[in-house]
Amino acid sequence: MTTPHMMAPIRLVLVDDHRMFRSGVKAELDTSSEVVGEAADVDRAIAVVRETRPDVVLLDVHLPGGNGNGGVDVLTGCAGVQTEAGAPVRFLALSVSDAAEDVIAVIRAGARGYVTKTISGTDLATAIRRVAEGDAVFSPRLAGFVLDAFGAAAGEIAEVDEELDRLSAREREVMRLIARGYQYKEVAKELYISIKTVETHVSSVLRKLQLSSRHELTSWAMGRRLI
């Protein structure tokens, strides 16, 4: 029987114009990921993604080539590419930039998440796995940019969403943070509550919405443009 620890590694493509950085990322990653391709510019990145059809692309935002839009050009050029299993190739932006315009641009173009290069190797491996599973992942401070960018539309939907109305104000806050990829301890810190309280709220949210996992919660929230 196959156990979670025996699952096939996540097939990963690294896109960054600094070779030393790509080497450093490979050295930091654990055996849960297998690097199947690398690229240093937009045009090569598109070609490698189309050739290898990876599970996840780790994508720098600022790249040479293409139409001058860096990672956005890669996302546009890879639209519709699927893995061998028929799932969409998912993109996780990894950049030194934490500018709101960069975050919003790549998320609008189709990236599933955005983390900065200050992230630890362990946390990066976790982020890659979660993106491969379909979750949206952001460095905590960056998630607010996405909420600000899409908040108006989310507010309009929330007014007429009967399922969302089942949640208390605090449960909605917890739900949005969890759906954006926050860990329990990060939610606790953000909302000034205990981790145990976060766990209680998450259990309540899942029960009220009749969902069974964080993955389902993220999909539910994204379908309503709440994150």
C-alpha atoms as a PDB file:
ATOM      1  CA  MET A   1       0.000   0.000   0.000  1.00  0.00           C
ATOM      2  CA  THR A   2       1.233   3.491  -0.844  1.00  0.00           C
ATOM      3  CA  THR A   3       1.554   5.790   2.159  1.00  0.00           C
ATOM      4  CA  PRO A   4       1.751   9.613   2.050  1.00  0.00           C
ATOM      5  CA  HIS A   5       5.488   9.362   2.615  1.00  0.00           C
ATOM      6  CA  MET A   6       5.881   7.078  -0.414  1.00  0.00           C
ATOM      7  CA  MET A   7       4.035   9.298  -2.866  1.00  0.00           C
ATOM      8  CA  ALA A   8       5.798  10.308  -6.073  1.00  0.00           C
ATOM      9  CA  PRO A   9       7.797  13.529  -5.735  1.00  0.00           C
ATOM     10  CA  ILE A  10       6.324  16.771  -7.026  1.00  0.00           C
ATOM     11  CA  ARG A  11       7.728  17.499 -10.478  1.00  0.00           C
ATOM     12  CA  LEU A  12       9.125  21.029 -10.319  1.00  0.00           C
ATOM     13  CA  VAL A  13      10.467  23.577 -12.809  1.00  0.00           C
ATOM     14  CA  LEU A  14      12.665  26.418 -11.503  1.00  0.00           C
ATOM     15  CA  VAL A  15      12.495  29.744 -13.347  1.00  0.00           C
ATOM     16  CA  ASP A  16      14.960  32.380 -12.190  1.00  0.00           C
ATOM     17  CA  ASP A  17      17.617  34.343 -14.052  1.00  0.00           C
ATOM     18  CA  HIS A  18      20.257  33.708 -11.376  1.00  0.00           C
ATOM     19  CA  ARG A  19      21.860  30.278 -11.715  1.00  0.00           C
ATOM     20  CA  MET A  20      23.313  30.422  -8.209  1.00  0.00           C
ATOM     21  CA  PHE A  21      19.862  31.037  -6.769  1.00  0.00           C
ATOM     22  CA  ARG A  22      18.424  28.065  -8.643  1.00  0.00           C
ATOM     23  CA  SER A  23      21.258  25.919  -7.305  1.00  0.00           C
ATOM     24  CA  GLY A  24      20.542  27.151  -3.793  1.00  0.00           C
ATOM     25  CA  VAL A  25      16.842  26.292  -4.076  1.00  0.00           C
ATOM     26  CA  LYS A  26      17.659  22.782  -5.291  1.00  0.00           C
ATOM     27  CA  ALA A  27      20.018  22.314  -2.364  1.00  0.00           C
ATOM     28  CA  GLU A  28      17.317  23.414   0.108  1.00  0.00           C
ATOM     29  CA  LEU A  29      14.482  21.264  -1.234  1.00  0.00           C
ATOM     30  CA  ASP A  30      13.776  17.873   0.274  1.00  0.00           C
ATOM     31  CA  THR A  31      12.963  14.636  -1.543  1.00  0.00           C
ATOM     32  CA  SER A  32       9.279  15.591  -1.848  1.00  0.00           C
ATOM     33  CA  SER A  33      10.205  17.590  -4.981  1.00  0.00           C
ATOM     34  CA  GLU A  34      12.110  16.631  -8.127  1.00  0.00           C
ATOM     35  CA  VAL A  35      13.484  19.398 -10.354  1.00  0.00           C
ATOM     36  CA  VAL A  36      12.718  18.382 -13.950  1.00  0.00           C
ATOM     37  CA  GLY A  37      13.658  21.633 -15.684  1.00  0.00           C
ATOM     38  CA  GLU A  38      15.190  25.078 -15.282  1.00  0.00           C
ATOM     39  CA  ALA A  39      15.034  28.347 -17.184  1.00  0.00           C
ATOM     40  CA  ALA A  40      16.572  31.805 -16.903  1.00  0.00           C
ATOM     41  CA  ASP A  41      14.326  33.843 -19.197  1.00  0.00           C
ATOM     42  CA  VAL A  42      10.722  34.080 -20.370  1.00  0.00           C
ATOM     43  CA  ASP A  43      11.036  32.291 -23.698  1.00  0.00           C
ATOM     44  CA  ARG A  44      13.027  29.360 -22.326  1.00  0.00           C
ATOM     45  CA  ALA A  45      10.649  29.092 -19.358  1.00  0.00           C
ATOM     46  CA  ILE A  46       7.620  28.713 -21.621  1.00  0.00           C
ATOM     47  CA  ALA A  47       9.416  26.089 -23.689  1.00  0.00           C
ATOM     48  CA  VAL A  48      10.553  24.085 -20.640  1.00  0.00           C
ATOM     49  CA  VAL A  49       7.104  24.137 -19.025  1.00  0.00           C
ATOM     50  CA  ARG A  50       5.475  22.955 -22.254  1.00  0.00           C
ATOM     51  CA  GLU A  51       8.106  20.231 -22.669  1.00  0.00           C
ATOM     52  CA  THR A  52       8.150  18.871 -19.120  1.00  0.00           C
ATOM     53  CA  ARG A  53       4.535  19.571 -18.016  1.00  0.00           C
ATOM     54  CA  PRO A  54       5.494  19.791 -14.332  1.00  0.00           C
ATOM     55  CA  ASP A  55       3.202  19.815 -11.313  1.00  0.00           C
ATOM     56  CA  VAL A  56       4.519  23.176 -10.087  1.00  0.00           C
ATOM     57  CA  VAL A  57       6.569  26.007 -11.572  1.00  0.00           C
ATOM     58  CA  LEU A  58       8.577  28.080  -9.109  1.00  0.00           C
ATOM     59  CA  LEU A  59       8.561  31.420 -10.912  1.00  0.00           C
ATOM     60  CA  ASP A  60      10.565  34.588 -10.414  1.00  0.00           C
ATOM     61  CA  VAL A  61       8.549  37.724 -11.171  1.00  0.00           C
ATOM     62  CA  HIS A  62      11.281  39.721 -12.920  1.00  0.00           C
ATOM     63  CA  LEU A  63      12.778  37.908 -15.901  1.00  0.00           C
ATOM     64  CA  PRO A  64      14.440  38.945 -19.175  1.00  0.00           C
ATOM     65  CA  GLY A  65      12.832  38.205 -22.526  1.00  0.00           C
ATOM     66  CA  GLY A  66       9.251  37.942 -23.688  1.00  0.00           C
ATOM     67  CA  ASN A  67       7.279  41.170 -23.906  1.00  0.00           C
ATOM     68  CA  GLY A  68       9.044  42.709 -20.933  1.00  0.00           C
ATOM     69  CA  ASN A  69       6.473  41.595 -18.363  1.00  0.00           C
ATOM     70  CA  GLY A  70       8.572  38.877 -16.744  1.00  0.00           C
ATOM     71  CA  GLY A  71       6.602  36.235 -14.891  1.00  0.00           C
ATOM     72  CA  VAL A  72       3.301  37.484 -16.296  1.00  0.00           C
ATOM     73  CA  ASP A  73       4.553  36.666 -19.810  1.00  0.00           C
ATOM     74  CA  VAL A  74       5.441  33.142 -18.674  1.00  0.00           C
ATOM     75  CA  LEU A  75       1.989  32.639 -17.156  1.00  0.00           C
ATOM     76  CA  THR A  76       0.331  33.916 -20.335  1.00  0.00           C
ATOM     77  CA  GLY A  77       2.508  31.727 -22.546  1.00  0.00           C
ATOM     78  CA  CYS A  78       1.763  28.628 -20.471  1.00  0.00           C
ATOM     79  CA  ALA A  79      -2.002  29.095 -20.213  1.00  0.00           C
ATOM     80  CA  GLY A  80      -3.787  25.785 -20.589  1.00  0.00           C
ATOM     81  CA  VAL A  81      -0.721  23.564 -20.155  1.00  0.00           C
ATOM     82  CA  GLN A  82      -1.554  20.439 -18.173  1.00  0.00           C
ATOM     83  CA  THR A  83       0.445  17.809 -16.341  1.00  0.00           C
ATOM     84  CA  GLU A  84       0.610  14.257 -17.657  1.00  0.00           C
ATOM     85  CA  ALA A  85      -2.208  13.408 -15.240  1.00  0.00           C
ATOM     86  CA  GLY A  86      -4.402  16.087 -16.805  1.00  0.00           C
ATOM     87  CA  ALA A  87      -4.266  18.583 -13.933  1.00  0.00           C
ATOM     88  CA  PRO A  88      -3.376  22.228 -14.578  1.00  0.00           C
ATOM     89  CA  VAL A  89       0.276  23.164 -14.177  1.00  0.00           C
ATOM     90  CA  ARG A  90       0.337  25.384 -11.087  1.00  0.00           C
ATOM     91  CA  PHE A  91       2.610  28.377 -10.556  1.00  0.00           C
ATOM     92  CA  LEU A  92       4.111  29.658  -7.305  1.00  0.00           C
ATOM     93  CA  ALA A  93       5.805  33.050  -7.576  1.00  0.00           C
ATOM     94  CA  LEU A  94       9.076  33.304  -5.637  1.00  0.00           C
ATOM     95  CA  SER A  95      10.568  36.784  -5.740  1.00  0.00           C
ATOM     96  CA  VAL A  96      12.706  39.251  -3.869  1.00  0.00           C
ATOM     97  CA  SER A  97       9.965  41.795  -4.577  1.00  0.00           C
ATOM     98  CA  ASP A  98       7.137  42.318  -2.109  1.00  0.00           C
ATOM     99  CA  ALA A  99       5.552  45.176  -4.080  1.00  0.00           C
ATOM    100  CA  ALA A 100       1.769  45.095  -4.281  1.00  0.00           C
ATOM    101  CA  GLU A 101       1.751  45.630  -8.042  1.00  0.00           C
ATOM    102  CA  ASP A 102       3.970  42.574  -8.597  1.00  0.00           C
ATOM    103  CA  VAL A 103       1.850  40.373  -6.356  1.00  0.00           C
ATOM    104  CA  ILE A 104      -1.434  41.430  -7.937  1.00  0.00           C
ATOM    105  CA  ALA A 105      -0.106  41.167 -11.509  1.00  0.00           C
ATOM    106  CA  VAL A 106       0.987  37.533 -11.252  1.00  0.00           C
ATOM    107  CA  ILE A 107      -2.103  36.462  -9.314  1.00  0.00           C
ATOM    108  CA  ARG A 108      -4.331  38.051 -11.954  1.00  0.00           C
ATOM    109  CA  ALA A 109      -2.288  36.203 -14.599  1.00  0.00           C
ATOM    110  CA  GLY A 110      -2.967  32.865 -12.919  1.00  0.00           C
ATOM    111  CA  ALA A 111      -0.322  32.165 -10.238  1.00  0.00           C
ATOM    112  CA  ARG A 112      -1.612  30.160  -7.263  1.00  0.00           C
ATOM    113  CA  GLY A 113       0.572  31.902  -4.726  1.00  0.00           C
ATOM    114  CA  TYR A 114       3.389  34.304  -4.009  1.00  0.00           C
ATOM    115  CA  VAL A 115       6.200  34.009  -1.475  1.00  0.00           C
ATOM    116  CA  THR A 116       9.315  36.091  -1.010  1.00  0.00           C
ATOM    117  CA  LYS A 117      12.899  34.862  -1.151  1.00  0.00           C
ATOM    118  CA  THR A 118      13.270  35.319   2.599  1.00  0.00           C
ATOM    119  CA  ILE A 119      11.292  32.078   3.012  1.00  0.00           C
ATOM    120  CA  SER A 120      13.087  29.133   4.623  1.00  0.00           C
ATOM    121  CA  GLY A 121      13.778  25.933   2.736  1.00  0.00           C
ATOM    122  CA  THR A 122      11.339  23.997   4.915  1.00  0.00           C
ATOM    123  CA  ASP A 123       8.550  26.531   4.426  1.00  0.00           C
ATOM    124  CA  LEU A 124       9.216  26.648   0.680  1.00  0.00           C
ATOM    125  CA  ALA A 125       8.889  22.866   0.420  1.00  0.00           C
ATOM    126  CA  THR A 126       5.589  23.111   2.288  1.00  0.00           C
ATOM    127  CA  ALA A 127       4.373  25.918   0.008  1.00  0.00           C
ATOM    128  CA  ILE A 128       5.253  23.901  -3.108  1.00  0.00           C
ATOM    129  CA  ARG A 129       3.363  20.871  -1.814  1.00  0.00           C
ATOM    130  CA  ARG A 130       0.297  22.923  -0.931  1.00  0.00           C
ATOM    131  CA  VAL A 131       0.236  24.638  -4.335  1.00  0.00           C
ATOM    132  CA  ALA A 132       0.555  21.211  -5.990  1.00  0.00           C
ATOM    133  CA  GLU A 133      -2.520  20.158  -3.996  1.00  0.00           C
ATOM    134  CA  GLY A 134      -4.450  23.182  -5.248  1.00  0.00           C
ATOM    135  CA  ASP A 135      -4.141  25.526  -2.285  1.00  0.00           C
ATOM    136  CA  ALA A 136      -3.439  29.240  -2.605  1.00  0.00           C
ATOM    137  CA  VAL A 137      -0.270  30.170  -0.689  1.00  0.00           C
ATOM    138  CA  PHE A 138       1.027  33.623   0.231  1.00  0.00           C
ATOM    139  CA  SER A 139       3.613  35.067   2.539  1.00  0.00           C
ATOM    140  CA  PRO A 140       1.403  36.495   5.311  1.00  0.00           C
ATOM    141  CA  ARG A 141       1.967  40.181   4.595  1.00  0.00           C
ATOM    142  CA  LEU A 142       1.319  39.750   0.879  1.00  0.00           C
ATOM    143  CA  ALA A 143      -2.119  38.162   1.240  1.00  0.00           C
ATOM    144  CA  GLY A 144      -3.541  41.558   2.164  1.00  0.00           C
ATOM    145  CA  PHE A 145      -2.619  42.928  -1.272  1.00  0.00           C
ATOM    146  CA  VAL A 146      -4.736  40.262  -2.913  1.00  0.00           C
ATOM    147  CA  LEU A 147      -7.664  40.933  -0.593  1.00  0.00           C
ATOM    148  CA  ASP A 148      -7.426  44.659  -1.303  1.00  0.00           C
ATOM    149  CA  ALA A 149      -7.327  44.059  -5.048  1.00  0.00           C
ATOM    150  CA  PHE A 150     -10.329  41.735  -5.138  1.00  0.00           C
ATOM    151  CA  GLY A 151     -12.124  42.902  -2.018  1.00  0.00           C
ATOM    152  CA  ALA A 152     -14.806  44.980  -3.734  1.00  0.00           C
ATOM    153  CA  ALA A 153     -16.053  42.060  -5.801  1.00  0.00           C
ATOM    154  CA  ALA A 154     -15.879  39.797  -2.772  1.00  0.00           C
ATOM    155  CA  GLY A 155     -18.018  42.231  -0.785  1.00  0.00           C
ATOM    156  CA  GLU A 156     -20.698  42.251  -3.458  1.00  0.00           C
ATOM    157  CA  ILE A 157     -20.849  38.457  -3.484  1.00  0.00           C
ATOM    158  CA  ALA A 158     -20.829  38.188   0.306  1.00  0.00           C
ATOM    159  CA  GLU A 159     -23.989  40.275   0.588  1.00  0.00           C
ATOM    160  CA  VAL A 160     -26.038  37.626  -1.193  1.00  0.00           C
ATOM    161  CA  ASP A 161     -24.184  34.476  -0.149  1.00  0.00           C
ATOM    162  CA  GLU A 162     -26.363  32.445   2.194  1.00  0.00           C
ATOM    163  CA  GLU A 163     -23.533  30.038   3.058  1.00  0.00           C
ATOM    164  CA  LEU A 164     -21.246  32.890   4.055  1.00  0.00           C
ATOM    165  CA  ASP A 165     -24.033  34.355   6.192  1.00  0.00           C
ATOM    166  CA  ARG A 166     -23.878  31.232   8.366  1.00  0.00           C
ATOM    167  CA  LEU A 167     -20.471  32.333   9.644  1.00  0.00           C
ATOM    168  CA  SER A 168     -19.872  34.820  12.413  1.00  0.00           C
ATOM    169  CA  ALA A 169     -17.680  37.862  11.753  1.00  0.00           C
ATOM    170  CA  ARG A 170     -14.739  36.212  13.515  1.00  0.00           C
ATOM    171  CA  GLU A 171     -15.240  32.948  11.639  1.00  0.00           C
ATOM    172  CA  ARG A 172     -15.154  34.881   8.360  1.00  0.00           C
ATOM    173  CA  GLU A 173     -11.845  36.468   9.344  1.00  0.00           C
ATOM    174  CA  VAL A 174     -10.355  33.088  10.216  1.00  0.00           C
ATOM    175  CA  MET A 175     -11.796  31.502   7.073  1.00  0.00           C
ATOM    176  CA  ARG A 176     -10.233  34.092   4.768  1.00  0.00           C
ATOM    177  CA  LEU A 177      -6.803  33.786   6.371  1.00  0.00           C
ATOM    178  CA  ILE A 178      -6.845  29.985   6.329  1.00  0.00           C
ATOM    179  CA  ALA A 179      -8.046  29.970   2.719  1.00  0.00           C
ATOM    180  CA  ARG A 180      -5.189  32.318   1.766  1.00  0.00           C
ATOM    181  CA  GLY A 181      -2.666  29.850   3.121  1.00  0.00           C
ATOM    182  CA  TYR A 182      -1.962  31.093   6.648  1.00  0.00           C
ATOM    183  CA  GLN A 183      -0.870  28.501   9.201  1.00  0.00           C
ATOM    184  CA  TYR A 184      -2.819  28.320  12.469  1.00  0.00           C
ATOM    185  CA  LYS A 185      -0.042  30.086  14.380  1.00  0.00           C
ATOM    186  CA  GLU A 186       0.002  32.895  11.789  1.00  0.00           C
ATOM    187  CA  VAL A 187      -3.772  33.334  12.065  1.00  0.00           C
ATOM    188  CA  ALA A 188      -3.473  33.440  15.844  1.00  0.00           C
ATOM    189  CA  LYS A 189      -0.816  36.136  15.634  1.00  0.00           C
ATOM    190  CA  GLU A 190      -2.717  38.153  13.036  1.00  0.00           C
ATOM    191  CA  LEU A 191      -6.000  38.146  14.994  1.00  0.00           C
ATOM    192  CA  TYR A 192      -4.496  38.198  18.515  1.00  0.00           C
ATOM    193  CA  ILE A 193      -6.180  34.949  19.546  1.00  0.00           C
ATOM    194  CA  SER A 194      -4.853  31.577  20.703  1.00  0.00           C
ATOM    195  CA  ILE A 195      -4.029  28.723  18.354  1.00  0.00           C
ATOM    196  CA  LYS A 196      -6.653  26.651  20.161  1.00  0.00           C
ATOM    197  CA  THR A 197      -9.269  29.307  19.372  1.00  0.00           C
ATOM    198  CA  VAL A 198      -8.204  29.262  15.721  1.00  0.00           C
ATOM    199  CA  GLU A 199      -8.641  25.488  15.640  1.00  0.00           C
ATOM    200  CA  THR A 200     -12.114  25.830  17.150  1.00  0.00           C
ATOM    201  CA  HIS A 201     -13.135  28.440  14.568  1.00  0.00           C
ATOM    202  CA  VAL A 202     -11.777  26.372  11.665  1.00  0.00           C
ATOM    203  CA  SER A 203     -13.714  23.307  12.852  1.00  0.00           C
ATOM    204  CA  SER A 204     -16.859  25.410  13.111  1.00  0.00           C
ATOM    205  CA  VAL A 205     -16.361  26.920   9.642  1.00  0.00           C
ATOM    206  CA  LEU A 206     -15.842  23.519   8.020  1.00  0.00           C
ATOM    207  CA  ARG A 207     -18.890  22.106   9.794  1.00  0.00           C
ATOM    208  CA  LYS A 208     -21.162  25.035   8.850  1.00  0.00           C
ATOM    209  CA  LEU A 209     -20.044  24.978   5.214  1.00  0.00           C
ATOM    210  CA  GLN A 210     -20.119  21.163   5.085  1.00  0.00           C
ATOM    211  CA  LEU A 211     -16.489  20.987   3.961  1.00  0.00           C
ATOM    212  CA  SER A 212     -13.885  18.442   5.028  1.00  0.00           C
ATOM    213  CA  SER A 213     -10.476  20.070   4.508  1.00  0.00           C
ATOM    214  CA  ARG A 214      -8.494  23.268   4.078  1.00  0.00           C
ATOM    215  CA  HIS A 215      -8.169  22.425   0.391  1.00  0.00           C
ATOM    216  CA  GLU A 216     -11.951  22.377  -0.009  1.00  0.00           C
ATOM    217  CA  LEU A 217     -12.212  25.611   1.988  1.00  0.00           C
ATOM    218  CA  THR A 218      -9.711  27.331  -0.321  1.00  0.00           C
ATOM    219  CA  SER A 219     -11.624  26.168  -3.395  1.00  0.00           C
ATOM    220  CA  TRP A 220     -14.899  27.330  -1.836  1.00  0.00           C
ATOM    221  CA  ALA A 221     -13.465  30.774  -1.045  1.00  0.00           C
ATOM    222  CA  MET A 222     -11.825  31.176  -4.462  1.00  0.00           C
ATOM    223  CA  GLY A 223     -15.092  30.252  -6.166  1.00  0.00           C
ATOM    224  CA  ARG A 224     -16.676  33.215  -4.398  1.00  0.00           C
ATOM    225  CA  ARG A 225     -13.651  35.462  -5.051  1.00  0.00           C
ATOM    226  CA  LEU A 226     -13.143  35.892  -1.316  1.00  0.00           C
ATOM    227  CA  ILE A 227      -9.340  35.520  -1.562  1.00  0.00           C
END
